[in-house]
């Protein structure tokens, strides 16, 4: 564990934008 900090009040959302070409692979 770590000390309390700003990161304890922020959230991370993953971003995924697949192109038409990327979808093939």
PDBML (XML) file of the C-alpha atoms, coordinates in Angstrom:
<?xml version="1.0" encoding="UTF-8" ?>
<PDBx:datablock datablockName="MODEL"
   xmlns:PDBx="http://pdbml.pdb.org/schema/pdbx-v50.xsd"
   xmlns:xsi="http://www.w3.org/2001/XMLSchema-instance"
   xsi:schemaLocation="http://pdbml.pdb.org/schema/pdbx-v50.xsd pdbx-v50.xsd">
   <PDBx:atom_siteCategory>
      <PDBx:atom_site id="1">
         <PDBx:B_iso_or_equiv>0.00</PDBx:B_iso_or_equiv>
         <PDBx:Cartn_x>0.000</PDBx:Cartn_x>
         <PDBx:Cartn_y>0.000</PDBx:Cartn_y>
         <PDBx:Cartn_z>0.000</PDBx:Cartn_z>
         <PDBx:auth_asym_id>A</PDBx:auth_asym_id>
         <PDBx:auth_atom_id>CA</PDBx:auth_atom_id>
         <PDBx:auth_comp_id>UNK</PDBx:auth_comp_id>
         <PDBx:auth_seq_id>1</PDBx:auth_seq_id>
         <PDBx:group_PDB>ATOM</PDBx:group_PDB>
         <PDBx:label_alt_id xsi:nil="true" />
         <PDBx:label_asym_id>A</PDBx:label_asym_id>
         <PDBx:label_atom_id>CA</PDBx:label_atom_id>
         <PDBx:label_comp_id>UNK</PDBx:label_comp_id>
         <PDBx:label_entity_id>1</PDBx:label_entity_id>
         <PDBx:label_seq_id>1</PDBx:label_seq_id>
         <PDBx:occupancy>1.00</PDBx:occupancy>
         <PDBx:pdbx_PDB_model_num>1</PDBx:pdbx_PDB_model_num>
         <PDBx:type_symbol>C</PDBx:type_symbol>
      </PDBx:atom_site>
      <PDBx:atom_site id="2">
         <PDBx:B_iso_or_equiv>0.00</PDBx:B_iso_or_equiv>
         <PDBx:Cartn_x>0.913</PDBx:Cartn_x>
         <PDBx:Cartn_y>3.659</PDBx:Cartn_y>
         <PDBx:Cartn_z>-0.388</PDBx:Cartn_z>
         <PDBx:auth_asym_id>A</PDBx:auth_asym_id>
         <PDBx:auth_atom_id>CA</PDBx:auth_atom_id>
         <PDBx:auth_comp_id>UNK</PDBx:auth_comp_id>
         <PDBx:auth_seq_id>2</PDBx:auth_seq_id>
         <PDBx:group_PDB>ATOM</PDBx:group_PDB>
         <PDBx:label_alt_id xsi:nil="true" />
         <PDBx:label_asym_id>A</PDBx:label_asym_id>
         <PDBx:label_atom_id>CA</PDBx:label_atom_id>
         <PDBx:label_comp_id>UNK</PDBx:label_comp_id>
         <PDBx:label_entity_id>1</PDBx:label_entity_id>
         <PDBx:label_seq_id>2</PDBx:label_seq_id>
         <PDBx:occupancy>1.00</PDBx:occupancy>
         <PDBx:pdbx_PDB_model_num>1</PDBx:pdbx_PDB_model_num>
         <PDBx:type_symbol>C</PDBx:type_symbol>
      </PDBx:atom_site>
      <PDBx:atom_site id="3">
         <PDBx:B_iso_or_equiv>0.00</PDBx:B_iso_or_equiv>
         <PDBx:Cartn_x>0.184</PDBx:Cartn_x>
         <PDBx:Cartn_y>6.927</PDBx:Cartn_y>
         <PDBx:Cartn_z>1.430</PDBx:Cartn_z>
         <PDBx:auth_asym_id>A</PDBx:auth_asym_id>
         <PDBx:auth_atom_id>CA</PDBx:auth_atom_id>
         <PDBx:auth_comp_id>UNK</PDBx:auth_comp_id>
         <PDBx:auth_seq_id>3</PDBx:auth_seq_id>
         <PDBx:group_PDB>ATOM</PDBx:group_PDB>
         <PDBx:label_alt_id xsi:nil="true" />
         <PDBx:label_asym_id>A</PDBx:label_asym_id>
         <PDBx:label_atom_id>CA</PDBx:label_atom_id>
         <PDBx:label_comp_id>UNK</PDBx:label_comp_id>
         <PDBx:label_entity_id>1</PDBx:label_entity_id>
         <PDBx:label_seq_id>3</PDBx:label_seq_id>
         <PDBx:occupancy>1.00</PDBx:occupancy>
         <PDBx:pdbx_PDB_model_num>1</PDBx:pdbx_PDB_model_num>
         <PDBx:type_symbol>C</PDBx:type_symbol>
      </PDBx:atom_site>
      <PDBx:atom_site id="4">
         <PDBx:B_iso_or_equiv>0.00</PDBx:B_iso_or_equiv>
         <PDBx:Cartn_x>-3.104</PDBx:Cartn_x>
         <PDBx:Cartn_y>8.652</PDBx:Cartn_y>
         <PDBx:Cartn_z>0.686</PDBx:Cartn_z>
         <PDBx:auth_asym_id>A</PDBx:auth_asym_id>
         <PDBx:auth_atom_id>CA</PDBx:auth_atom_id>
         <PDBx:auth_comp_id>UNK</PDBx:auth_comp_id>
         <PDBx:auth_seq_id>4</PDBx:auth_seq_id>
         <PDBx:group_PDB>ATOM</PDBx:group_PDB>
         <PDBx:label_alt_id xsi:nil="true" />
         <PDBx:label_asym_id>A</PDBx:label_asym_id>
         <PDBx:label_atom_id>CA</PDBx:label_atom_id>
         <PDBx:label_comp_id>UNK</PDBx:label_comp_id>
         <PDBx:label_entity_id>1</PDBx:label_entity_id>
         <PDBx:label_seq_id>4</PDBx:label_seq_id>
         <PDBx:occupancy>1.00</PDBx:occupancy>
         <PDBx:pdbx_PDB_model_num>1</PDBx:pdbx_PDB_model_num>
         <PDBx:type_symbol>C</PDBx:type_symbol>
      </PDBx:atom_site>
      <PDBx:atom_site id="5">
         <PDBx:B_iso_or_equiv>0.00</PDBx:B_iso_or_equiv>
         <PDBx:Cartn_x>-2.742</PDBx:Cartn_x>
         <PDBx:Cartn_y>11.005</PDBx:Cartn_y>
         <PDBx:Cartn_z>-2.245</PDBx:Cartn_z>
         <PDBx:auth_asym_id>A</PDBx:auth_asym_id>
         <PDBx:auth_atom_id>CA</PDBx:auth_atom_id>
         <PDBx:auth_comp_id>UNK</PDBx:auth_comp_id>
         <PDBx:auth_seq_id>5</PDBx:auth_seq_id>
         <PDBx:group_PDB>ATOM</PDBx:group_PDB>
         <PDBx:label_alt_id xsi:nil="true" />
         <PDBx:label_asym_id>A</PDBx:label_asym_id>
         <PDBx:label_atom_id>CA</PDBx:label_atom_id>
         <PDBx:label_comp_id>UNK</PDBx:label_comp_id>
         <PDBx:label_entity_id>1</PDBx:label_entity_id>
         <PDBx:label_seq_id>5</PDBx:label_seq_id>
         <PDBx:occupancy>1.00</PDBx:occupancy>
         <PDBx:pdbx_PDB_model_num>1</PDBx:pdbx_PDB_model_num>
         <PDBx:type_symbol>C</PDBx:type_symbol>
      </PDBx:atom_site>
      <PDBx:atom_site id="6">
         <PDBx:B_iso_or_equiv>0.00</PDBx:B_iso_or_equiv>
         <PDBx:Cartn_x>-4.373</PDBx:Cartn_x>
         <PDBx:Cartn_y>12.715</PDBx:Cartn_y>
         <PDBx:Cartn_z>-5.195</PDBx:Cartn_z>
         <PDBx:auth_asym_id>A</PDBx:auth_asym_id>
         <PDBx:auth_atom_id>CA</PDBx:auth_atom_id>
         <PDBx:auth_comp_id>UNK</PDBx:auth_comp_id>
         <PDBx:auth_seq_id>6</PDBx:auth_seq_id>
         <PDBx:group_PDB>ATOM</PDBx:group_PDB>
         <PDBx:label_alt_id xsi:nil="true" />
         <PDBx:label_asym_id>A</PDBx:label_asym_id>
         <PDBx:label_atom_id>CA</PDBx:label_atom_id>
         <PDBx:label_comp_id>UNK</PDBx:label_comp_id>
         <PDBx:label_entity_id>1</PDBx:label_entity_id>
         <PDBx:label_seq_id>6</PDBx:label_seq_id>
         <PDBx:occupancy>1.00</PDBx:occupancy>
         <PDBx:pdbx_PDB_model_num>1</PDBx:pdbx_PDB_model_num>
         <PDBx:type_symbol>C</PDBx:type_symbol>
      </PDBx:atom_site>
      <PDBx:atom_site id="7">
         <PDBx:B_iso_or_equiv>0.00</PDBx:B_iso_or_equiv>
         <PDBx:Cartn_x>-4.342</PDBx:Cartn_x>
         <PDBx:Cartn_y>9.408</PDBx:Cartn_y>
         <PDBx:Cartn_z>-7.076</PDBx:Cartn_z>
         <PDBx:auth_asym_id>A</PDBx:auth_asym_id>
         <PDBx:auth_atom_id>CA</PDBx:auth_atom_id>
         <PDBx:auth_comp_id>UNK</PDBx:auth_comp_id>
         <PDBx:auth_seq_id>7</PDBx:auth_seq_id>
         <PDBx:group_PDB>ATOM</PDBx:group_PDB>
         <PDBx:label_alt_id xsi:nil="true" />
         <PDBx:label_asym_id>A</PDBx:label_asym_id>
         <PDBx:label_atom_id>CA</PDBx:label_atom_id>
         <PDBx:label_comp_id>UNK</PDBx:label_comp_id>
         <PDBx:label_entity_id>1</PDBx:label_entity_id>
         <PDBx:label_seq_id>7</PDBx:label_seq_id>
         <PDBx:occupancy>1.00</PDBx:occupancy>
         <PDBx:pdbx_PDB_model_num>1</PDBx:pdbx_PDB_model_num>
         <PDBx:type_symbol>C</PDBx:type_symbol>
      </PDBx:atom_site>
      <PDBx:atom_site id="8">
         <PDBx:B_iso_or_equiv>0.00</PDBx:B_iso_or_equiv>
         <PDBx:Cartn_x>-6.818</PDBx:Cartn_x>
         <PDBx:Cartn_y>8.020</PDBx:Cartn_y>
         <PDBx:Cartn_z>-4.509</PDBx:Cartn_z>
         <PDBx:auth_asym_id>A</PDBx:auth_asym_id>
         <PDBx:auth_atom_id>CA</PDBx:auth_atom_id>
         <PDBx:auth_comp_id>UNK</PDBx:auth_comp_id>
         <PDBx:auth_seq_id>8</PDBx:auth_seq_id>
         <PDBx:group_PDB>ATOM</PDBx:group_PDB>
         <PDBx:label_alt_id xsi:nil="true" />
         <PDBx:label_asym_id>A</PDBx:label_asym_id>
         <PDBx:label_atom_id>CA</PDBx:label_atom_id>
         <PDBx:label_comp_id>UNK</PDBx:label_comp_id>
         <PDBx:label_entity_id>1</PDBx:label_entity_id>
         <PDBx:label_seq_id>8</PDBx:label_seq_id>
         <PDBx:occupancy>1.00</PDBx:occupancy>
         <PDBx:pdbx_PDB_model_num>1</PDBx:pdbx_PDB_model_num>
         <PDBx:type_symbol>C</PDBx:type_symbol>
      </PDBx:atom_site>
      <PDBx:atom_site id="9">
         <PDBx:B_iso_or_equiv>0.00</PDBx:B_iso_or_equiv>
         <PDBx:Cartn_x>-9.419</PDBx:Cartn_x>
         <PDBx:Cartn_y>10.512</PDBx:Cartn_y>
         <PDBx:Cartn_z>-5.744</PDBx:Cartn_z>
         <PDBx:auth_asym_id>A</PDBx:auth_asym_id>
         <PDBx:auth_atom_id>CA</PDBx:auth_atom_id>
         <PDBx:auth_comp_id>UNK</PDBx:auth_comp_id>
         <PDBx:auth_seq_id>9</PDBx:auth_seq_id>
         <PDBx:group_PDB>ATOM</PDBx:group_PDB>
         <PDBx:label_alt_id xsi:nil="true" />
         <PDBx:label_asym_id>A</PDBx:label_asym_id>
         <PDBx:label_atom_id>CA</PDBx:label_atom_id>
         <PDBx:label_comp_id>UNK</PDBx:label_comp_id>
         <PDBx:label_entity_id>1</PDBx:label_entity_id>
         <PDBx:label_seq_id>9</PDBx:label_seq_id>
         <PDBx:occupancy>1.00</PDBx:occupancy>
         <PDBx:pdbx_PDB_model_num>1</PDBx:pdbx_PDB_model_num>
         <PDBx:type_symbol>C</PDBx:type_symbol>
      </PDBx:atom_site>
      <PDBx:atom_site id="10">
         <PDBx:B_iso_or_equiv>0.00</PDBx:B_iso_or_equiv>
         <PDBx:Cartn_x>-8.818</PDBx:Cartn_x>
         <PDBx:Cartn_y>10.084</PDBx:Cartn_y>
         <PDBx:Cartn_z>-9.471</PDBx:Cartn_z>
         <PDBx:auth_asym_id>A</PDBx:auth_asym_id>
         <PDBx:auth_atom_id>CA</PDBx:auth_atom_id>
         <PDBx:auth_comp_id>UNK</PDBx:auth_comp_id>
         <PDBx:auth_seq_id>10</PDBx:auth_seq_id>
         <PDBx:group_PDB>ATOM</PDBx:group_PDB>
         <PDBx:label_alt_id xsi:nil="true" />
         <PDBx:label_asym_id>A</PDBx:label_asym_id>
         <PDBx:label_atom_id>CA</PDBx:label_atom_id>
         <PDBx:label_comp_id>UNK</PDBx:label_comp_id>
         <PDBx:label_entity_id>1</PDBx:label_entity_id>
         <PDBx:label_seq_id>10</PDBx:label_seq_id>
         <PDBx:occupancy>1.00</PDBx:occupancy>
         <PDBx:pdbx_PDB_model_num>1</PDBx:pdbx_PDB_model_num>
         <PDBx:type_symbol>C</PDBx:type_symbol>
      </PDBx:atom_site>
      <PDBx:atom_site id="11">
         <PDBx:B_iso_or_equiv>0.00</PDBx:B_iso_or_equiv>
         <PDBx:Cartn_x>-10.012</PDBx:Cartn_x>
         <PDBx:Cartn_y>7.243</PDBx:Cartn_y>
         <PDBx:Cartn_z>-11.692</PDBx:Cartn_z>
         <PDBx:auth_asym_id>A</PDBx:auth_asym_id>
         <PDBx:auth_atom_id>CA</PDBx:auth_atom_id>
         <PDBx:auth_comp_id>UNK</PDBx:auth_comp_id>
         <PDBx:auth_seq_id>11</PDBx:auth_seq_id>
         <PDBx:group_PDB>ATOM</PDBx:group_PDB>
         <PDBx:label_alt_id xsi:nil="true" />
         <PDBx:label_asym_id>A</PDBx:label_asym_id>
         <PDBx:label_atom_id>CA</PDBx:label_atom_id>
         <PDBx:label_comp_id>UNK</PDBx:label_comp_id>
         <PDBx:label_entity_id>1</PDBx:label_entity_id>
         <PDBx:label_seq_id>11</PDBx:label_seq_id>
         <PDBx:occupancy>1.00</PDBx:occupancy>
         <PDBx:pdbx_PDB_model_num>1</PDBx:pdbx_PDB_model_num>
         <PDBx:type_symbol>C</PDBx:type_symbol>
      </PDBx:atom_site>
      <PDBx:atom_site id="12">
         <PDBx:B_iso_or_equiv>0.00</PDBx:B_iso_or_equiv>
         <PDBx:Cartn_x>-8.615</PDBx:Cartn_x>
         <PDBx:Cartn_y>5.875</PDBx:Cartn_y>
         <PDBx:Cartn_z>-14.935</PDBx:Cartn_z>
         <PDBx:auth_asym_id>A</PDBx:auth_asym_id>
         <PDBx:auth_atom_id>CA</PDBx:auth_atom_id>
         <PDBx:auth_comp_id>UNK</PDBx:auth_comp_id>
         <PDBx:auth_seq_id>12</PDBx:auth_seq_id>
         <PDBx:group_PDB>ATOM</PDBx:group_PDB>
         <PDBx:label_alt_id xsi:nil="true" />
         <PDBx:label_asym_id>A</PDBx:label_asym_id>
         <PDBx:label_atom_id>CA</PDBx:label_atom_id>
         <PDBx:label_comp_id>UNK</PDBx:label_comp_id>
         <PDBx:label_entity_id>1</PDBx:label_entity_id>
         <PDBx:label_seq_id>12</PDBx:label_seq_id>
         <PDBx:occupancy>1.00</PDBx:occupancy>
         <PDBx:pdbx_PDB_model_num>1</PDBx:pdbx_PDB_model_num>
         <PDBx:type_symbol>C</PDBx:type_symbol>
      </PDBx:atom_site>
      <PDBx:atom_site id="13">
         <PDBx:B_iso_or_equiv>0.00</PDBx:B_iso_or_equiv>
         <PDBx:Cartn_x>-10.790</PDBx:Cartn_x>
         <PDBx:Cartn_y>4.875</PDBx:Cartn_y>
         <PDBx:Cartn_z>-17.884</PDBx:Cartn_z>
         <PDBx:auth_asym_id>A</PDBx:auth_asym_id>
         <PDBx:auth_atom_id>CA</PDBx:auth_atom_id>
         <PDBx:auth_comp_id>UNK</PDBx:auth_comp_id>
         <PDBx:auth_seq_id>13</PDBx:auth_seq_id>
         <PDBx:group_PDB>ATOM</PDBx:group_PDB>
         <PDBx:label_alt_id xsi:nil="true" />
         <PDBx:label_asym_id>A</PDBx:label_asym_id>
         <PDBx:label_atom_id>CA</PDBx:label_atom_id>
         <PDBx:label_comp_id>UNK</PDBx:label_comp_id>
         <PDBx:label_entity_id>1</PDBx:label_entity_id>
         <PDBx:label_seq_id>13</PDBx:label_seq_id>
         <PDBx:occupancy>1.00</PDBx:occupancy>
         <PDBx:pdbx_PDB_model_num>1</PDBx:pdbx_PDB_model_num>
         <PDBx:type_symbol>C</PDBx:type_symbol>
      </PDBx:atom_site>
      <PDBx:atom_site id="14">
         <PDBx:B_iso_or_equiv>0.00</PDBx:B_iso_or_equiv>
         <PDBx:Cartn_x>-9.250</PDBx:Cartn_x>
         <PDBx:Cartn_y>2.941</PDBx:Cartn_y>
         <PDBx:Cartn_z>-20.763</PDBx:Cartn_z>
         <PDBx:auth_asym_id>A</PDBx:auth_asym_id>
         <PDBx:auth_atom_id>CA</PDBx:auth_atom_id>
         <PDBx:auth_comp_id>UNK</PDBx:auth_comp_id>
         <PDBx:auth_seq_id>14</PDBx:auth_seq_id>
         <PDBx:group_PDB>ATOM</PDBx:group_PDB>
         <PDBx:label_alt_id xsi:nil="true" />
         <PDBx:label_asym_id>A</PDBx:label_asym_id>
         <PDBx:label_atom_id>CA</PDBx:label_atom_id>
         <PDBx:label_comp_id>UNK</PDBx:label_comp_id>
         <PDBx:label_entity_id>1</PDBx:label_entity_id>
         <PDBx:label_seq_id>14</PDBx:label_seq_id>
         <PDBx:occupancy>1.00</PDBx:occupancy>
         <PDBx:pdbx_PDB_model_num>1</PDBx:pdbx_PDB_model_num>
         <PDBx:type_symbol>C</PDBx:type_symbol>
      </PDBx:atom_site>
      <PDBx:atom_site id="15">
         <PDBx:B_iso_or_equiv>0.00</PDBx:B_iso_or_equiv>
         <PDBx:Cartn_x>-9.734</PDBx:Cartn_x>
         <PDBx:Cartn_y>4.417</PDBx:Cartn_y>
         <PDBx:Cartn_z>-24.249</PDBx:Cartn_z>
         <PDBx:auth_asym_id>A</PDBx:auth_asym_id>
         <PDBx:auth_atom_id>CA</PDBx:auth_atom_id>
         <PDBx:auth_comp_id>UNK</PDBx:auth_comp_id>
         <PDBx:auth_seq_id>15</PDBx:auth_seq_id>
         <PDBx:group_PDB>ATOM</PDBx:group_PDB>
         <PDBx:label_alt_id xsi:nil="true" />
         <PDBx:label_asym_id>A</PDBx:label_asym_id>
         <PDBx:label_atom_id>CA</PDBx:label_atom_id>
         <PDBx:label_comp_id>UNK</PDBx:label_comp_id>
         <PDBx:label_entity_id>1</PDBx:label_entity_id>
         <PDBx:label_seq_id>15</PDBx:label_seq_id>
         <PDBx:occupancy>1.00</PDBx:occupancy>
         <PDBx:pdbx_PDB_model_num>1</PDBx:pdbx_PDB_model_num>
         <PDBx:type_symbol>C</PDBx:type_symbol>
      </PDBx:atom_site>
      <PDBx:atom_site id="16">
         <PDBx:B_iso_or_equiv>0.00</PDBx:B_iso_or_equiv>
         <PDBx:Cartn_x>-10.031</PDBx:Cartn_x>
         <PDBx:Cartn_y>2.034</PDBx:Cartn_y>
         <PDBx:Cartn_z>-27.200</PDBx:Cartn_z>
         <PDBx:auth_asym_id>A</PDBx:auth_asym_id>
         <PDBx:auth_atom_id>CA</PDBx:auth_atom_id>
         <PDBx:auth_comp_id>UNK</PDBx:auth_comp_id>
         <PDBx:auth_seq_id>16</PDBx:auth_seq_id>
         <PDBx:group_PDB>ATOM</PDBx:group_PDB>
         <PDBx:label_alt_id xsi:nil="true" />
         <PDBx:label_asym_id>A</PDBx:label_asym_id>
         <PDBx:label_atom_id>CA</PDBx:label_atom_id>
         <PDBx:label_comp_id>UNK</PDBx:label_comp_id>
         <PDBx:label_entity_id>1</PDBx:label_entity_id>
         <PDBx:label_seq_id>16</PDBx:label_seq_id>
         <PDBx:occupancy>1.00</PDBx:occupancy>
         <PDBx:pdbx_PDB_model_num>1</PDBx:pdbx_PDB_model_num>
         <PDBx:type_symbol>C</PDBx:type_symbol>
      </PDBx:atom_site>
      <PDBx:atom_site id="17">
         <PDBx:B_iso_or_equiv>0.00</PDBx:B_iso_or_equiv>
         <PDBx:Cartn_x>-10.785</PDBx:Cartn_x>
         <PDBx:Cartn_y>3.307</PDBx:Cartn_y>
         <PDBx:Cartn_z>-30.715</PDBx:Cartn_z>
         <PDBx:auth_asym_id>A</PDBx:auth_asym_id>
         <PDBx:auth_atom_id>CA</PDBx:auth_atom_id>
         <PDBx:auth_comp_id>UNK</PDBx:auth_comp_id>
         <PDBx:auth_seq_id>17</PDBx:auth_seq_id>
         <PDBx:group_PDB>ATOM</PDBx:group_PDB>
         <PDBx:label_alt_id xsi:nil="true" />
         <PDBx:label_asym_id>A</PDBx:label_asym_id>
         <PDBx:label_atom_id>CA</PDBx:label_atom_id>
         <PDBx:label_comp_id>UNK</PDBx:label_comp_id>
         <PDBx:label_entity_id>1</PDBx:label_entity_id>
         <PDBx:label_seq_id>17</PDBx:label_seq_id>
         <PDBx:occupancy>1.00</PDBx:occupancy>
         <PDBx:pdbx_PDB_model_num>1</PDBx:pdbx_PDB_model_num>
         <PDBx:type_symbol>C</PDBx:type_symbol>
      </PDBx:atom_site>
      <PDBx:atom_site id="18">
         <PDBx:B_iso_or_equiv>0.00</PDBx:B_iso_or_equiv>
         <PDBx:Cartn_x>-10.074</PDBx:Cartn_x>
         <PDBx:Cartn_y>0.546</PDBx:Cartn_y>
         <PDBx:Cartn_z>-33.238</PDBx:Cartn_z>
         <PDBx:auth_asym_id>A</PDBx:auth_asym_id>
         <PDBx:auth_atom_id>CA</PDBx:auth_atom_id>
         <PDBx:auth_comp_id>UNK</PDBx:auth_comp_id>
         <PDBx:auth_seq_id>18</PDBx:auth_seq_id>
         <PDBx:group_PDB>ATOM</PDBx:group_PDB>
         <PDBx:label_alt_id xsi:nil="true" />
         <PDBx:label_asym_id>A</PDBx:label_asym_id>
         <PDBx:label_atom_id>CA</PDBx:label_atom_id>
         <PDBx:label_comp_id>UNK</PDBx:label_comp_id>
         <PDBx:label_entity_id>1</PDBx:label_entity_id>
         <PDBx:label_seq_id>18</PDBx:label_seq_id>
         <PDBx:occupancy>1.00</PDBx:occupancy>
         <PDBx:pdbx_PDB_model_num>1</PDBx:pdbx_PDB_model_num>
         <PDBx:type_symbol>C</PDBx:type_symbol>
      </PDBx:atom_site>
      <PDBx:atom_site id="19">
         <PDBx:B_iso_or_equiv>0.00</PDBx:B_iso_or_equiv>
         <PDBx:Cartn_x>-9.753</PDBx:Cartn_x>
         <PDBx:Cartn_y>1.492</PDBx:Cartn_y>
         <PDBx:Cartn_z>-36.879</PDBx:Cartn_z>
         <PDBx:auth_asym_id>A</PDBx:auth_asym_id>
         <PDBx:auth_atom_id>CA</PDBx:auth_atom_id>
         <PDBx:auth_comp_id>UNK</PDBx:auth_comp_id>
         <PDBx:auth_seq_id>19</PDBx:auth_seq_id>
         <PDBx:group_PDB>ATOM</PDBx:group_PDB>
         <PDBx:label_alt_id xsi:nil="true" />
         <PDBx:label_asym_id>A</PDBx:label_asym_id>
         <PDBx:label_atom_id>CA</PDBx:label_atom_id>
         <PDBx:label_comp_id>UNK</PDBx:label_comp_id>
         <PDBx:label_entity_id>1</PDBx:label_entity_id>
         <PDBx:label_seq_id>19</PDBx:label_seq_id>
         <PDBx:occupancy>1.00</PDBx:occupancy>
         <PDBx:pdbx_PDB_model_num>1</PDBx:pdbx_PDB_model_num>
         <PDBx:type_symbol>C</PDBx:type_symbol>
      </PDBx:atom_site>
      <PDBx:atom_site id="20">
         <PDBx:B_iso_or_equiv>0.00</PDBx:B_iso_or_equiv>
         <PDBx:Cartn_x>-11.315</PDBx:Cartn_x>
         <PDBx:Cartn_y>-0.577</PDBx:Cartn_y>
         <PDBx:Cartn_z>-39.694</PDBx:Cartn_z>
         <PDBx:auth_asym_id>A</PDBx:auth_asym_id>
         <PDBx:auth_atom_id>CA</PDBx:auth_atom_id>
         <PDBx:auth_comp_id>UNK</PDBx:auth_comp_id>
         <PDBx:auth_seq_id>20</PDBx:auth_seq_id>
         <PDBx:group_PDB>ATOM</PDBx:group_PDB>
         <PDBx:label_alt_id xsi:nil="true" />
         <PDBx:label_asym_id>A</PDBx:label_asym_id>
         <PDBx:label_atom_id>CA</PDBx:label_atom_id>
         <PDBx:label_comp_id>UNK</PDBx:label_comp_id>
         <PDBx:label_entity_id>1</PDBx:label_entity_id>
         <PDBx:label_seq_id>20</PDBx:label_seq_id>
         <PDBx:occupancy>1.00</PDBx:occupancy>
         <PDBx:pdbx_PDB_model_num>1</PDBx:pdbx_PDB_model_num>
         <PDBx:type_symbol>C</PDBx:type_symbol>
      </PDBx:atom_site>
      <PDBx:atom_site id="21">
         <PDBx:B_iso_or_equiv>0.00</PDBx:B_iso_or_equiv>
         <PDBx:Cartn_x>-7.849</PDBx:Cartn_x>
         <PDBx:Cartn_y>-1.830</PDBx:Cartn_y>
         <PDBx:Cartn_z>-40.594</PDBx:Cartn_z>
         <PDBx:auth_asym_id>A</PDBx:auth_asym_id>
         <PDBx:auth_atom_id>CA</PDBx:auth_atom_id>
         <PDBx:auth_comp_id>UNK</PDBx:auth_comp_id>
         <PDBx:auth_seq_id>21</PDBx:auth_seq_id>
         <PDBx:group_PDB>ATOM</PDBx:group_PDB>
         <PDBx:label_alt_id xsi:nil="true" />
         <PDBx:label_asym_id>A</PDBx:label_asym_id>
         <PDBx:label_atom_id>CA</PDBx:label_atom_id>
         <PDBx:label_comp_id>UNK</PDBx:label_comp_id>
         <PDBx:label_entity_id>1</PDBx:label_entity_id>
         <PDBx:label_seq_id>21</PDBx:label_seq_id>
         <PDBx:occupancy>1.00</PDBx:occupancy>
         <PDBx:pdbx_PDB_model_num>1</PDBx:pdbx_PDB_model_num>
         <PDBx:type_symbol>C</PDBx:type_symbol>
      </PDBx:atom_site>
      <PDBx:atom_site id="22">
         <PDBx:B_iso_or_equiv>0.00</PDBx:B_iso_or_equiv>
         <PDBx:Cartn_x>-7.008</PDBx:Cartn_x>
         <PDBx:Cartn_y>-2.615</PDBx:Cartn_y>
         <PDBx:Cartn_z>-36.962</PDBx:Cartn_z>
         <PDBx:auth_asym_id>A</PDBx:auth_asym_id>
         <PDBx:auth_atom_id>CA</PDBx:auth_atom_id>
         <PDBx:auth_comp_id>UNK</PDBx:auth_comp_id>
         <PDBx:auth_seq_id>22</PDBx:auth_seq_id>
         <PDBx:group_PDB>ATOM</PDBx:group_PDB>
         <PDBx:label_alt_id xsi:nil="true" />
         <PDBx:label_asym_id>A</PDBx:label_asym_id>
         <PDBx:label_atom_id>CA</PDBx:label_atom_id>
         <PDBx:label_comp_id>UNK</PDBx:label_comp_id>
         <PDBx:label_entity_id>1</PDBx:label_entity_id>
         <PDBx:label_seq_id>22</PDBx:label_seq_id>
         <PDBx:occupancy>1.00</PDBx:occupancy>
         <PDBx:pdbx_PDB_model_num>1</PDBx:pdbx_PDB_model_num>
         <PDBx:type_symbol>C</PDBx:type_symbol>
      </PDBx:atom_site>
      <PDBx:atom_site id="23">
         <PDBx:B_iso_or_equiv>0.00</PDBx:B_iso_or_equiv>
         <PDBx:Cartn_x>-10.196</PDBx:Cartn_x>
         <PDBx:Cartn_y>-4.661</PDBx:Cartn_y>
         <PDBx:Cartn_z>-36.598</PDBx:Cartn_z>
         <PDBx:auth_asym_id>A</PDBx:auth_asym_id>
         <PDBx:auth_atom_id>CA</PDBx:auth_atom_id>
         <PDBx:auth_comp_id>UNK</PDBx:auth_comp_id>
         <PDBx:auth_seq_id>23</PDBx:auth_seq_id>
         <PDBx:group_PDB>ATOM</PDBx:group_PDB>
         <PDBx:label_alt_id xsi:nil="true" />
         <PDBx:label_asym_id>A</PDBx:label_asym_id>
         <PDBx:label_atom_id>CA</PDBx:label_atom_id>
         <PDBx:label_comp_id>UNK</PDBx:label_comp_id>
         <PDBx:label_entity_id>1</PDBx:label_entity_id>
         <PDBx:label_seq_id>23</PDBx:label_seq_id>
         <PDBx:occupancy>1.00</PDBx:occupancy>
         <PDBx:pdbx_PDB_model_num>1</PDBx:pdbx_PDB_model_num>
         <PDBx:type_symbol>C</PDBx:type_symbol>
      </PDBx:atom_site>
      <PDBx:atom_site id="24">
         <PDBx:B_iso_or_equiv>0.00</PDBx:B_iso_or_equiv>
         <PDBx:Cartn_x>-8.944</PDBx:Cartn_x>
         <PDBx:Cartn_y>-7.111</PDBx:Cartn_y>
         <PDBx:Cartn_z>-39.250</PDBx:Cartn_z>
         <PDBx:auth_asym_id>A</PDBx:auth_asym_id>
         <PDBx:auth_atom_id>CA</PDBx:auth_atom_id>
         <PDBx:auth_comp_id>UNK</PDBx:auth_comp_id>
         <PDBx:auth_seq_id>24</PDBx:auth_seq_id>
         <PDBx:group_PDB>ATOM</PDBx:group_PDB>
         <PDBx:label_alt_id xsi:nil="true" />
         <PDBx:label_asym_id>A</PDBx:label_asym_id>
         <PDBx:label_atom_id>CA</PDBx:label_atom_id>
         <PDBx:label_comp_id>UNK</PDBx:label_comp_id>
         <PDBx:label_entity_id>1</PDBx:label_entity_id>
         <PDBx:label_seq_id>24</PDBx:label_seq_id>
         <PDBx:occupancy>1.00</PDBx:occupancy>
         <PDBx:pdbx_PDB_model_num>1</PDBx:pdbx_PDB_model_num>
         <PDBx:type_symbol>C</PDBx:type_symbol>
      </PDBx:atom_site>
      <PDBx:atom_site id="25">
         <PDBx:B_iso_or_equiv>0.00</PDBx:B_iso_or_equiv>
         <PDBx:Cartn_x>-5.846</PDBx:Cartn_x>
         <PDBx:Cartn_y>-8.003</PDBx:Cartn_y>
         <PDBx:Cartn_z>-37.259</PDBx:Cartn_z>
         <PDBx:auth_asym_id>A</PDBx:auth_asym_id>
         <PDBx:auth_atom_id>CA</PDBx:auth_atom_id>
         <PDBx:auth_comp_id>UNK</PDBx:auth_comp_id>
         <PDBx:auth_seq_id>25</PDBx:auth_seq_id>
         <PDBx:group_PDB>ATOM</PDBx:group_PDB>
         <PDBx:label_alt_id xsi:nil="true" />
         <PDBx:label_asym_id>A</PDBx:label_asym_id>
         <PDBx:label_atom_id>CA</PDBx:label_atom_id>
         <PDBx:label_comp_id>UNK</PDBx:label_comp_id>
         <PDBx:label_entity_id>1</PDBx:label_entity_id>
         <PDBx:label_seq_id>25</PDBx:label_seq_id>
         <PDBx:occupancy>1.00</PDBx:occupancy>
         <PDBx:pdbx_PDB_model_num>1</PDBx:pdbx_PDB_model_num>
         <PDBx:type_symbol>C</PDBx:type_symbol>
      </PDBx:atom_site>
   </PDBx:atom_siteCategory>
</PDBx:datablock>
